[in-house]
């Protein structure tokens, strides 16, 4: 809880991370100033790219007491305005799953190596980033919490798979050890309500720890305050409160 007489500060900057295959890639990192210890969170950006919203979200996590980092998953497609880079990435098939997991692993190493780390790591993603976060939590050990916000294509038919994304992350759910928070809009088209039902049934059947929250009159991207057609204030306020409560319980 904030106190008006307490010190508050944070450091936010673009950094370089050793990612998949030992390649250098960019990331945006923000952390509270002070001795800590602070838990870490990796933020997986959405399909529109490594954009201003994800800079804002990374700083927001730092303001809430997390050492946060958001890798540029499209870094290998070149640089420029986020919309242009994202369009090129989509045209080329998108970020390769193996690369995403490898870049995330490099970010996790960087977070845990910092002297203020408490050693715990959460993953957060929206849209395609929700899929990437879910996939990474299934592929890596020692993940302490997962927040999936309307992640599309976690449940996917065989004909929806691609060379870059050759597996449906839901099919790897037996390897998932982290507790899951899922936030979804009932009006979303990817994931649909049926997709969310399928994923929930799978997690329940596997005995996984999860909590799903669904919002009527909300669709895809209801956190995105800069997009009036998508933003839903009531759902966003409630959803963020659930994010902070969930991560506070599992990462503190």
C-alpha atoms as a PDB file:
ATOM      1  CA  UNK A   1       0.000   0.000   0.000  1.00  0.00           C
ATOM      2  CA  UNK A   2       1.378   3.404  -0.978  1.00  0.00           C
ATOM      3  CA  UNK A   3       2.358   5.786   1.811  1.00  0.00           C
ATOM      4  CA  UNK A   4       2.601   9.508   1.065  1.00  0.00           C
ATOM      5  CA  UNK A   5       5.857   9.865   3.013  1.00  0.00           C
ATOM      6  CA  UNK A   6       7.654   6.894   1.454  1.00  0.00           C
ATOM      7  CA  UNK A   7      10.421   7.106  -1.138  1.00  0.00           C
ATOM      8  CA  UNK A   8       9.472   5.986  -4.632  1.00  0.00           C
ATOM      9  CA  UNK A   9      11.578   5.768  -7.758  1.00  0.00           C
ATOM     10  CA  UNK A  10      12.163   3.534 -10.729  1.00  0.00           C
ATOM     11  CA  UNK A  11      14.687   3.049 -13.510  1.00  0.00           C
ATOM     12  CA  UNK A  12      13.467   2.317 -17.035  1.00  0.00           C
ATOM     13  CA  UNK A  13      15.674   1.833 -20.080  1.00  0.00           C
ATOM     14  CA  UNK A  14      16.293  -0.136 -23.256  1.00  0.00           C
ATOM     15  CA  UNK A  15      18.771  -2.941 -22.606  1.00  0.00           C
ATOM     16  CA  UNK A  16      20.447  -5.751 -24.508  1.00  0.00           C
ATOM     17  CA  UNK A  17      19.747  -9.379 -23.599  1.00  0.00           C
ATOM     18  CA  UNK A  18      21.510 -12.524 -24.716  1.00  0.00           C
ATOM     19  CA  UNK A  19      18.591 -14.422 -26.183  1.00  0.00           C
ATOM     20  CA  UNK A  20      17.934 -17.460 -28.325  1.00  0.00           C
ATOM     21  CA  UNK A  21      21.040 -19.018 -29.840  1.00  0.00           C
ATOM     22  CA  UNK A  22      23.291 -16.583 -27.986  1.00  0.00           C
ATOM     23  CA  UNK A  23      22.085 -13.709 -30.167  1.00  0.00           C
ATOM     24  CA  UNK A  24      21.769 -10.207 -28.758  1.00  0.00           C
ATOM     25  CA  UNK A  25      18.275  -8.755 -28.737  1.00  0.00           C
ATOM     26  CA  UNK A  26      16.667  -5.615 -27.364  1.00  0.00           C
ATOM     27  CA  UNK A  27      14.385  -5.446 -24.344  1.00  0.00           C
ATOM     28  CA  UNK A  28      12.772  -2.714 -22.310  1.00  0.00           C
ATOM     29  CA  UNK A  29      13.449  -3.056 -18.595  1.00  0.00           C
ATOM     30  CA  UNK A  30      12.032  -1.198 -15.604  1.00  0.00           C
ATOM     31  CA  UNK A  31      12.664  -1.830 -11.931  1.00  0.00           C
ATOM     32  CA  UNK A  32      11.991  -0.100  -8.648  1.00  0.00           C
ATOM     33  CA  UNK A  33      14.895   1.717  -7.076  1.00  0.00           C
ATOM     34  CA  UNK A  34      15.848   0.469  -3.646  1.00  0.00           C
ATOM     35  CA  UNK A  35      17.344  -2.645  -2.069  1.00  0.00           C
ATOM     36  CA  UNK A  36      14.454  -5.015  -2.800  1.00  0.00           C
ATOM     37  CA  UNK A  37      14.178  -7.911  -2.980  1.00  0.00           C
ATOM     38  CA  UNK A  38      11.834  -7.657  -5.977  1.00  0.00           C
ATOM     39  CA  UNK A  39      10.133 -10.423  -7.938  1.00  0.00           C
ATOM     40  CA  UNK A  40      10.607 -10.456 -11.702  1.00  0.00           C
ATOM     41  CA  UNK A  41       8.066 -10.397 -14.528  1.00  0.00           C
ATOM     42  CA  UNK A  42       8.635 -10.996 -18.254  1.00  0.00           C
ATOM     43  CA  UNK A  43       6.103  -9.218 -20.489  1.00  0.00           C
ATOM     44  CA  UNK A  44       5.432 -10.745 -23.918  1.00  0.00           C
ATOM     45  CA  UNK A  45       4.194  -8.096 -26.338  1.00  0.00           C
ATOM     46  CA  UNK A  46       1.143  -8.482 -28.542  1.00  0.00           C
ATOM     47  CA  UNK A  47       0.824  -8.976 -32.295  1.00  0.00           C
ATOM     48  CA  UNK A  48       0.834  -5.204 -32.999  1.00  0.00           C
ATOM     49  CA  UNK A  49       4.431  -5.289 -31.816  1.00  0.00           C
ATOM     50  CA  UNK A  50       6.842  -3.966 -29.231  1.00  0.00           C
ATOM     51  CA  UNK A  51       4.997  -0.697 -28.868  1.00  0.00           C
ATOM     52  CA  UNK A  52       4.288   2.178 -26.503  1.00  0.00           C
ATOM     53  CA  UNK A  53       1.618   0.239 -24.597  1.00  0.00           C
ATOM     54  CA  UNK A  54       4.190  -2.363 -23.602  1.00  0.00           C
ATOM     55  CA  UNK A  55       6.613   0.336 -22.472  1.00  0.00           C
ATOM     56  CA  UNK A  56       3.819   1.740 -20.332  1.00  0.00           C
ATOM     57  CA  UNK A  57       2.914  -1.701 -18.970  1.00  0.00           C
ATOM     58  CA  UNK A  58       6.550  -2.483 -18.121  1.00  0.00           C
ATOM     59  CA  UNK A  59       6.828   0.737 -16.107  1.00  0.00           C
ATOM     60  CA  UNK A  60       3.472  -0.008 -14.477  1.00  0.00           C
ATOM     61  CA  UNK A  61       4.784  -3.341 -13.212  1.00  0.00           C
ATOM     62  CA  UNK A  62       7.876  -1.580 -11.842  1.00  0.00           C
ATOM     63  CA  UNK A  63       5.674   0.956 -10.069  1.00  0.00           C
ATOM     64  CA  UNK A  64       3.895  -1.979  -8.420  1.00  0.00           C
ATOM     65  CA  UNK A  65       7.173  -3.379  -7.096  1.00  0.00           C
ATOM     66  CA  UNK A  66       8.285  -5.772  -9.847  1.00  0.00           C
ATOM     67  CA  UNK A  67      11.508  -5.910 -11.797  1.00  0.00           C
ATOM     68  CA  UNK A  68       9.969  -6.105 -15.265  1.00  0.00           C
ATOM     69  CA  UNK A  69      11.373  -6.750 -18.705  1.00  0.00           C
ATOM     70  CA  UNK A  70       9.730  -6.872 -22.141  1.00  0.00           C
ATOM     71  CA  UNK A  71      11.819  -8.389 -24.957  1.00  0.00           C
ATOM     72  CA  UNK A  72      11.450  -7.208 -28.554  1.00  0.00           C
ATOM     73  CA  UNK A  73      10.284 -10.496 -30.055  1.00  0.00           C
ATOM     74  CA  UNK A  74      10.391  -8.913 -33.534  1.00  0.00           C
ATOM     75  CA  UNK A  75      13.951  -7.630 -33.172  1.00  0.00           C
ATOM     76  CA  UNK A  76      15.241  -9.985 -35.858  1.00  0.00           C
ATOM     77  CA  UNK A  77      12.817  -8.559 -38.428  1.00  0.00           C
ATOM     78  CA  UNK A  78      14.496  -5.151 -38.307  1.00  0.00           C
ATOM     79  CA  UNK A  79      13.697  -1.812 -36.732  1.00  0.00           C
ATOM     80  CA  UNK A  80      11.447   1.163 -37.336  1.00  0.00           C
ATOM     81  CA  UNK A  81       8.001   2.200 -36.189  1.00  0.00           C
ATOM     82  CA  UNK A  82       6.316  -0.649 -34.289  1.00  0.00           C
ATOM     83  CA  UNK A  83       3.418  -0.953 -36.752  1.00  0.00           C
ATOM     84  CA  UNK A  84       5.797  -1.312 -39.695  1.00  0.00           C
ATOM     85  CA  UNK A  85       8.025  -3.854 -37.972  1.00  0.00           C
ATOM     86  CA  UNK A  86       4.992  -5.848 -36.805  1.00  0.00           C
ATOM     87  CA  UNK A  87       3.600  -5.892 -40.347  1.00  0.00           C
ATOM     88  CA  UNK A  88       6.899  -7.274 -41.660  1.00  0.00           C
ATOM     89  CA  UNK A  89       6.972  -9.878 -38.891  1.00  0.00           C
ATOM     90  CA  UNK A  90       3.437 -11.015 -39.701  1.00  0.00           C
ATOM     91  CA  UNK A  91       4.226 -11.175 -43.422  1.00  0.00           C
ATOM     92  CA  UNK A  92       7.217 -13.402 -42.660  1.00  0.00           C
ATOM     93  CA  UNK A  93       5.168 -15.774 -40.483  1.00  0.00           C
ATOM     94  CA  UNK A  94       5.738 -14.180 -37.085  1.00  0.00           C
ATOM     95  CA  UNK A  95       8.251 -14.862 -34.349  1.00  0.00           C
ATOM     96  CA  UNK A  96       9.406 -18.482 -34.209  1.00  0.00           C
ATOM     97  CA  UNK A  97       8.332 -20.275 -31.040  1.00  0.00           C
ATOM     98  CA  UNK A  98      11.823 -21.571 -30.257  1.00  0.00           C
ATOM     99  CA  UNK A  99      13.231 -18.056 -30.551  1.00  0.00           C
ATOM    100  CA  UNK A 100      10.541 -16.612 -28.269  1.00  0.00           C
ATOM    101  CA  UNK A 101      11.235 -19.180 -25.561  1.00  0.00           C
ATOM    102  CA  UNK A 102      14.987 -18.657 -25.905  1.00  0.00           C
ATOM    103  CA  UNK A 103      14.661 -14.879 -25.663  1.00  0.00           C
ATOM    104  CA  UNK A 104      12.415 -15.236 -22.614  1.00  0.00           C
ATOM    105  CA  UNK A 105      14.942 -17.538 -21.001  1.00  0.00           C
ATOM    106  CA  UNK A 106      17.630 -14.891 -21.506  1.00  0.00           C
ATOM    107  CA  UNK A 107      15.377 -12.272 -19.888  1.00  0.00           C
ATOM    108  CA  UNK A 108      14.747 -14.556 -16.925  1.00  0.00           C
ATOM    109  CA  UNK A 109      18.477 -15.088 -16.437  1.00  0.00           C
ATOM    110  CA  UNK A 110      18.989 -11.328 -16.524  1.00  0.00           C
ATOM    111  CA  UNK A 111      16.247 -10.705 -13.949  1.00  0.00           C
ATOM    112  CA  UNK A 112      17.448 -13.395 -11.567  1.00  0.00           C
ATOM    113  CA  UNK A 113      21.072 -12.253 -11.839  1.00  0.00           C
ATOM    114  CA  UNK A 114      20.268  -8.794 -10.479  1.00  0.00           C
ATOM    115  CA  UNK A 115      21.215  -8.398  -6.794  1.00  0.00           C
ATOM    116  CA  UNK A 116      17.736  -7.090  -5.925  1.00  0.00           C
ATOM    117  CA  UNK A 117      15.955 -10.202  -7.270  1.00  0.00           C
ATOM    118  CA  UNK A 118      13.983 -12.420  -4.911  1.00  0.00           C
ATOM    119  CA  UNK A 119      14.388 -15.266  -7.428  1.00  0.00           C
ATOM    120  CA  UNK A 120      10.733 -15.567  -8.373  1.00  0.00           C
ATOM    121  CA  UNK A 121       9.510 -15.054 -11.935  1.00  0.00           C
ATOM    122  CA  UNK A 122       6.092 -14.407 -13.429  1.00  0.00           C
ATOM    123  CA  UNK A 123       5.102 -14.284 -17.090  1.00  0.00           C
ATOM    124  CA  UNK A 124       2.538 -11.858 -18.538  1.00  0.00           C
ATOM    125  CA  UNK A 125       1.211 -11.545 -22.050  1.00  0.00           C
ATOM    126  CA  UNK A 126      -1.731 -10.208 -24.040  1.00  0.00           C
ATOM    127  CA  UNK A 127      -3.019 -11.340 -27.437  1.00  0.00           C
ATOM    128  CA  UNK A 128      -0.221 -13.324 -29.150  1.00  0.00           C
ATOM    129  CA  UNK A 129       1.862 -12.508 -26.081  1.00  0.00           C
ATOM    130  CA  UNK A 130      -0.598 -14.496 -23.980  1.00  0.00           C
ATOM    131  CA  UNK A 131       0.085 -17.480 -26.219  1.00  0.00           C
ATOM    132  CA  UNK A 132       3.837 -16.920 -25.954  1.00  0.00           C
ATOM    133  CA  UNK A 133       3.645 -16.623 -22.169  1.00  0.00           C
ATOM    134  CA  UNK A 134       1.623 -19.848 -21.909  1.00  0.00           C
ATOM    135  CA  UNK A 135       4.024 -21.666 -24.251  1.00  0.00           C
ATOM    136  CA  UNK A 136       7.065 -20.464 -22.301  1.00  0.00           C
ATOM    137  CA  UNK A 137       5.559 -21.524 -18.972  1.00  0.00           C
ATOM    138  CA  UNK A 138       5.053 -25.005 -20.425  1.00  0.00           C
ATOM    139  CA  UNK A 139       8.561 -25.194 -21.870  1.00  0.00           C
ATOM    140  CA  UNK A 140      10.622 -23.787 -18.999  1.00  0.00           C
ATOM    141  CA  UNK A 141      10.961 -25.021 -15.439  1.00  0.00           C
ATOM    142  CA  UNK A 142      10.875 -22.814 -12.360  1.00  0.00           C
ATOM    143  CA  UNK A 143       8.185 -20.343 -13.495  1.00  0.00           C
ATOM    144  CA  UNK A 144       6.203 -19.153 -10.480  1.00  0.00           C
ATOM    145  CA  UNK A 145       3.119 -17.535 -12.055  1.00  0.00           C
ATOM    146  CA  UNK A 146       1.515 -17.024 -15.465  1.00  0.00           C
ATOM    147  CA  UNK A 147      -0.929 -14.290 -16.524  1.00  0.00           C
ATOM    148  CA  UNK A 148      -2.630 -14.953 -19.860  1.00  0.00           C
ATOM    149  CA  UNK A 149      -4.734 -12.048 -21.111  1.00  0.00           C
ATOM    150  CA  UNK A 150      -6.918 -13.141 -24.045  1.00  0.00           C
ATOM    151  CA  UNK A 151      -4.112 -15.195 -25.583  1.00  0.00           C
ATOM    152  CA  UNK A 152      -5.135 -16.332 -29.049  1.00  0.00           C
ATOM    153  CA  UNK A 153      -4.299 -19.694 -30.624  1.00  0.00           C
ATOM    154  CA  UNK A 154      -3.397 -21.389 -27.351  1.00  0.00           C
ATOM    155  CA  UNK A 155      -6.057 -23.861 -28.409  1.00  0.00           C
ATOM    156  CA  UNK A 156      -5.535 -24.483 -32.127  1.00  0.00           C
ATOM    157  CA  UNK A 157      -6.501 -27.077 -34.705  1.00  0.00           C
ATOM    158  CA  UNK A 158      -3.816 -28.848 -36.717  1.00  0.00           C
ATOM    159  CA  UNK A 159      -4.582 -26.815 -39.850  1.00  0.00           C
ATOM    160  CA  UNK A 160      -3.916 -23.573 -37.928  1.00  0.00           C
ATOM    161  CA  UNK A 161      -0.318 -24.534 -37.110  1.00  0.00           C
ATOM    162  CA  UNK A 162       2.574 -22.994 -39.041  1.00  0.00           C
ATOM    163  CA  UNK A 163       6.334 -23.542 -39.393  1.00  0.00           C
ATOM    164  CA  UNK A 164       6.923 -20.680 -36.939  1.00  0.00           C
ATOM    165  CA  UNK A 165       4.234 -21.903 -34.537  1.00  0.00           C
ATOM    166  CA  UNK A 166       4.195 -25.680 -34.997  1.00  0.00           C
ATOM    167  CA  UNK A 167       2.360 -26.602 -31.795  1.00  0.00           C
ATOM    168  CA  UNK A 168      -0.766 -25.574 -29.927  1.00  0.00           C
ATOM    169  CA  UNK A 169       0.455 -24.553 -26.446  1.00  0.00           C
ATOM    170  CA  UNK A 170      -2.627 -26.179 -24.881  1.00  0.00           C
ATOM    171  CA  UNK A 171      -1.247 -29.531 -26.041  1.00  0.00           C
ATOM    172  CA  UNK A 172       1.767 -28.937 -23.761  1.00  0.00           C
ATOM    173  CA  UNK A 173      -0.349 -28.112 -20.707  1.00  0.00           C
ATOM    174  CA  UNK A 174       0.647 -31.323 -18.924  1.00  0.00           C
ATOM    175  CA  UNK A 175       4.125 -29.745 -18.549  1.00  0.00           C
ATOM    176  CA  UNK A 176       2.723 -26.568 -16.976  1.00  0.00           C
ATOM    177  CA  UNK A 177       3.696 -26.172 -13.321  1.00  0.00           C
ATOM    178  CA  UNK A 178       2.919 -22.477 -12.767  1.00  0.00           C
ATOM    179  CA  UNK A 179      -0.460 -21.310 -11.470  1.00  0.00           C
ATOM    180  CA  UNK A 180      -2.431 -19.513 -14.190  1.00  0.00           C
ATOM    181  CA  UNK A 181      -4.557 -16.377 -14.196  1.00  0.00           C
ATOM    182  CA  UNK A 182      -6.640 -16.028 -17.358  1.00  0.00           C
ATOM    183  CA  UNK A 183      -8.585 -12.883 -18.323  1.00  0.00           C
ATOM    184  CA  UNK A 184     -10.957 -13.068 -21.289  1.00  0.00           C
ATOM    185  CA  UNK A 185     -13.675 -11.039 -23.004  1.00  0.00           C
ATOM    186  CA  UNK A 186     -16.857 -12.885 -23.912  1.00  0.00           C
ATOM    187  CA  UNK A 187     -17.072 -11.015 -27.238  1.00  0.00           C
ATOM    188  CA  UNK A 188     -13.562 -11.988 -28.364  1.00  0.00           C
ATOM    189  CA  UNK A 189     -13.086 -13.854 -31.647  1.00  0.00           C
ATOM    190  CA  UNK A 190      -9.637 -15.268 -30.804  1.00  0.00           C
ATOM    191  CA  UNK A 191      -9.860 -16.828 -28.299  1.00  0.00           C
ATOM    192  CA  UNK A 192     -13.555 -17.527 -28.612  1.00  0.00           C
ATOM    193  CA  UNK A 193     -15.648 -18.442 -25.600  1.00  0.00           C
ATOM    194  CA  UNK A 194     -15.490 -22.042 -26.834  1.00  0.00           C
ATOM    195  CA  UNK A 195     -11.664 -21.872 -26.924  1.00  0.00           C
ATOM    196  CA  UNK A 196     -11.610 -20.631 -23.333  1.00  0.00           C
ATOM    197  CA  UNK A 197     -13.970 -23.424 -22.309  1.00  0.00           C
ATOM    198  CA  UNK A 198     -11.718 -25.998 -23.960  1.00  0.00           C
ATOM    199  CA  UNK A 199      -8.605 -24.631 -22.273  1.00  0.00           C
ATOM    200  CA  UNK A 200     -10.315 -24.546 -18.892  1.00  0.00           C
ATOM    201  CA  UNK A 201     -11.492 -28.137 -19.276  1.00  0.00           C
ATOM    202  CA  UNK A 202      -7.947 -29.218 -20.123  1.00  0.00           C
ATOM    203  CA  UNK A 203      -6.424 -27.458 -17.124  1.00  0.00           C
ATOM    204  CA  UNK A 204      -9.098 -28.826 -14.824  1.00  0.00           C
ATOM    205  CA  UNK A 205      -8.645 -32.334 -16.148  1.00  0.00           C
ATOM    206  CA  UNK A 206      -4.888 -32.130 -15.607  1.00  0.00           C
ATOM    207  CA  UNK A 207      -5.333 -30.877 -12.048  1.00  0.00           C
ATOM    208  CA  UNK A 208      -3.599 -27.567 -12.736  1.00  0.00           C
ATOM    209  CA  UNK A 209      -3.935 -24.500 -10.523  1.00  0.00           C
ATOM    210  CA  UNK A 210      -5.772 -21.785 -12.413  1.00  0.00           C
ATOM    211  CA  UNK A 211      -8.396 -19.069 -12.175  1.00  0.00           C
ATOM    212  CA  UNK A 212     -10.245 -17.728 -15.206  1.00  0.00           C
ATOM    213  CA  UNK A 213     -12.272 -14.519 -15.282  1.00  0.00           C
ATOM    214  CA  UNK A 214     -14.557 -13.613 -18.163  1.00  0.00           C
ATOM    215  CA  UNK A 215     -16.015 -10.217 -18.904  1.00  0.00           C
ATOM    216  CA  UNK A 216     -19.336  -9.694 -20.701  1.00  0.00           C
ATOM    217  CA  UNK A 217     -19.451  -6.807 -23.174  1.00  0.00           C
ATOM    218  CA  UNK A 218     -15.662  -6.979 -23.560  1.00  0.00           C
ATOM    219  CA  UNK A 219     -13.750  -8.245 -26.554  1.00  0.00           C
ATOM    220  CA  UNK A 220     -10.102  -8.451 -27.551  1.00  0.00           C
ATOM    221  CA  UNK A 221      -7.703  -5.980 -25.955  1.00  0.00           C
ATOM    222  CA  UNK A 222      -9.957  -4.499 -23.286  1.00  0.00           C
ATOM    223  CA  UNK A 223      -6.909  -3.236 -21.330  1.00  0.00           C
ATOM    224  CA  UNK A 224      -5.754  -1.023 -24.218  1.00  0.00           C
ATOM    225  CA  UNK A 225      -6.713   2.458 -23.047  1.00  0.00           C
ATOM    226  CA  UNK A 226      -5.369   4.088 -26.224  1.00  0.00           C
ATOM    227  CA  UNK A 227      -7.892   2.150 -28.355  1.00  0.00           C
ATOM    228  CA  UNK A 228     -11.381   3.464 -27.535  1.00  0.00           C
ATOM    229  CA  UNK A 229     -13.105   0.782 -29.608  1.00  0.00           C
ATOM    230  CA  UNK A 230     -11.457  -1.993 -27.560  1.00  0.00           C
ATOM    231  CA  UNK A 231     -11.028  -0.454 -24.101  1.00  0.00           C
ATOM    232  CA  UNK A 232     -13.564  -1.376 -21.439  1.00  0.00           C
ATOM    233  CA  UNK A 233     -12.904   0.625 -18.286  1.00  0.00           C
ATOM    234  CA  UNK A 234     -14.822  -1.527 -15.818  1.00  0.00           C
ATOM    235  CA  UNK A 235     -13.316  -4.774 -17.090  1.00  0.00           C
ATOM    236  CA  UNK A 236      -9.818  -3.244 -17.240  1.00  0.00           C
ATOM    237  CA  UNK A 237      -9.945  -1.910 -13.673  1.00  0.00           C
ATOM    238  CA  UNK A 238     -11.168  -5.243 -12.350  1.00  0.00           C
ATOM    239  CA  UNK A 239      -8.718  -7.190 -14.494  1.00  0.00           C
ATOM    240  CA  UNK A 240      -5.691  -5.214 -13.324  1.00  0.00           C
ATOM    241  CA  UNK A 241      -6.769  -5.640  -9.698  1.00  0.00           C
ATOM    242  CA  UNK A 242      -6.851  -9.386 -10.267  1.00  0.00           C
ATOM    243  CA  UNK A 243      -3.379  -9.286 -11.860  1.00  0.00           C
ATOM    244  CA  UNK A 244      -1.876  -7.512  -8.840  1.00  0.00           C
ATOM    245  CA  UNK A 245      -3.620  -9.796  -6.366  1.00  0.00           C
ATOM    246  CA  UNK A 246      -2.619 -12.968  -8.217  1.00  0.00           C
ATOM    247  CA  UNK A 247       1.033 -11.995  -8.655  1.00  0.00           C
ATOM    248  CA  UNK A 248       1.231 -10.693  -5.107  1.00  0.00           C
ATOM    249  CA  UNK A 249       0.081 -14.072  -3.831  1.00  0.00           C
ATOM    250  CA  UNK A 250       2.502 -16.109  -5.929  1.00  0.00           C
ATOM    251  CA  UNK A 251       5.619 -13.954  -6.301  1.00  0.00           C
ATOM    252  CA  UNK A 252       5.982 -12.071  -3.013  1.00  0.00           C
END
